[in-house]
């Protein structure tokens, strides 16, 4: 989800666990058919978001790297050779 946001030229600006919602899914079926066994996720709170065209390239890349690091920290994900620098 975050990769798509970044690829679209945006940063979220406030990567915290409280800004990720989990709900029964999938969202393409009627609500009565949704299940927590197939969760859907939503990212909220874009009050500190940034658009790539509104900041310098260096600032945008820095924000993206910061958010990626924060997400790995939240997920307790250990990077090896496969994580973007």
Protein backbone atom coordinates (compact mmCIF):
# COMPACT_ATOMS: atom_id res chain seq x y z
CA UNK A 1 0.00 0.00 0.00
CA UNK A 2 2.75 2.42 0.95
CA UNK A 3 4.74 1.51 -2.17
CA UNK A 4 1.76 2.48 -4.32
CA UNK A 5 1.38 5.76 -2.47
CA UNK A 6 5.06 6.59 -2.96
CA UNK A 7 4.99 5.50 -6.62
CA UNK A 8 2.06 7.87 -7.11
CA UNK A 9 4.18 10.75 -5.85
CA UNK A 10 2.87 11.09 -2.30
CA UNK A 11 4.03 10.47 1.24
CA UNK A 12 1.64 9.85 4.13
CA UNK A 13 3.58 11.93 6.64
CA UNK A 14 2.53 10.21 9.86
CA UNK A 15 3.48 6.53 9.85
CA UNK A 16 2.09 5.25 13.14
CA UNK A 17 0.22 2.05 13.97
CA UNK A 18 -2.86 4.10 14.87
CA UNK A 19 -3.11 5.28 11.25
CA UNK A 20 -3.68 1.78 9.84
CA UNK A 21 -7.14 0.27 10.11
CA UNK A 22 -7.98 -3.40 9.65
CA UNK A 23 -11.49 -4.39 8.65
CA UNK A 24 -13.29 -7.47 7.35
CA UNK A 25 -12.76 -7.98 3.65
CA UNK A 26 -12.52 -8.22 0.80
CA UNK A 27 -14.09 -4.87 0.06
CA UNK A 28 -15.35 -5.95 -3.37
CA UNK A 29 -18.05 -8.19 -1.84
CA UNK A 30 -21.24 -7.33 0.02
CA UNK A 31 -20.66 -6.37 3.69
CA UNK A 32 -22.52 -9.46 4.95
CA UNK A 33 -20.05 -11.69 3.07
CA UNK A 34 -16.90 -10.04 4.42
CA UNK A 35 -14.71 -11.80 6.95
CA UNK A 36 -11.82 -11.04 9.27
CA UNK A 37 -10.19 -14.12 7.75
CA UNK A 38 -9.57 -11.99 4.62
CA UNK A 39 -8.81 -8.59 6.10
CA UNK A 40 -8.66 -5.31 4.23
CA UNK A 41 -6.48 -2.44 5.30
CA UNK A 42 -6.94 1.32 5.21
CA UNK A 43 -4.42 4.04 5.75
CA UNK A 44 -5.76 7.21 7.40
CA UNK A 45 -4.55 10.63 8.56
CA UNK A 46 -3.03 12.42 5.62
CA UNK A 47 -2.73 15.74 7.48
CA UNK A 48 1.06 15.70 7.07
CA UNK A 49 1.12 14.19 3.61
CA UNK A 50 3.39 15.61 0.93
CA UNK A 51 3.11 15.65 -2.83
CA UNK A 52 6.29 15.00 -4.80
CA UNK A 53 5.69 18.00 -7.07
CA UNK A 54 5.49 20.34 -4.05
CA UNK A 55 8.86 19.46 -2.49
CA UNK A 56 12.40 19.04 -3.78
CA UNK A 57 13.45 15.67 -5.15
CA UNK A 58 15.89 15.28 -2.25
CA UNK A 59 13.18 16.06 0.32
CA UNK A 60 10.74 13.64 -1.28
CA UNK A 61 13.28 10.80 -1.38
CA UNK A 62 14.19 11.52 2.23
CA UNK A 63 10.53 11.38 3.29
CA UNK A 64 10.03 8.11 1.39
CA UNK A 65 13.11 6.55 3.01
CA UNK A 66 11.96 7.74 6.43
CA UNK A 67 8.51 6.23 5.95
CA UNK A 68 9.92 2.94 4.65
CA UNK A 69 12.20 2.70 7.69
CA UNK A 70 9.30 3.45 10.01
CA UNK A 71 7.12 0.79 8.41
CA UNK A 72 9.86 -1.83 8.73
CA UNK A 73 10.19 -0.81 12.39
CA UNK A 74 6.44 -1.13 12.98
CA UNK A 75 6.37 -4.54 11.32
CA UNK A 76 9.53 -5.62 13.12
CA UNK A 77 10.88 -6.45 9.69
CA UNK A 78 14.59 -7.09 9.43
CA UNK A 79 16.12 -6.03 6.11
CA UNK A 80 18.92 -7.78 4.39
CA UNK A 81 19.91 -7.26 0.76
CA UNK A 82 16.35 -6.90 -0.56
CA UNK A 83 15.28 -3.62 1.09
CA UNK A 84 15.47 -0.37 -0.88
CA UNK A 85 18.14 2.01 0.27
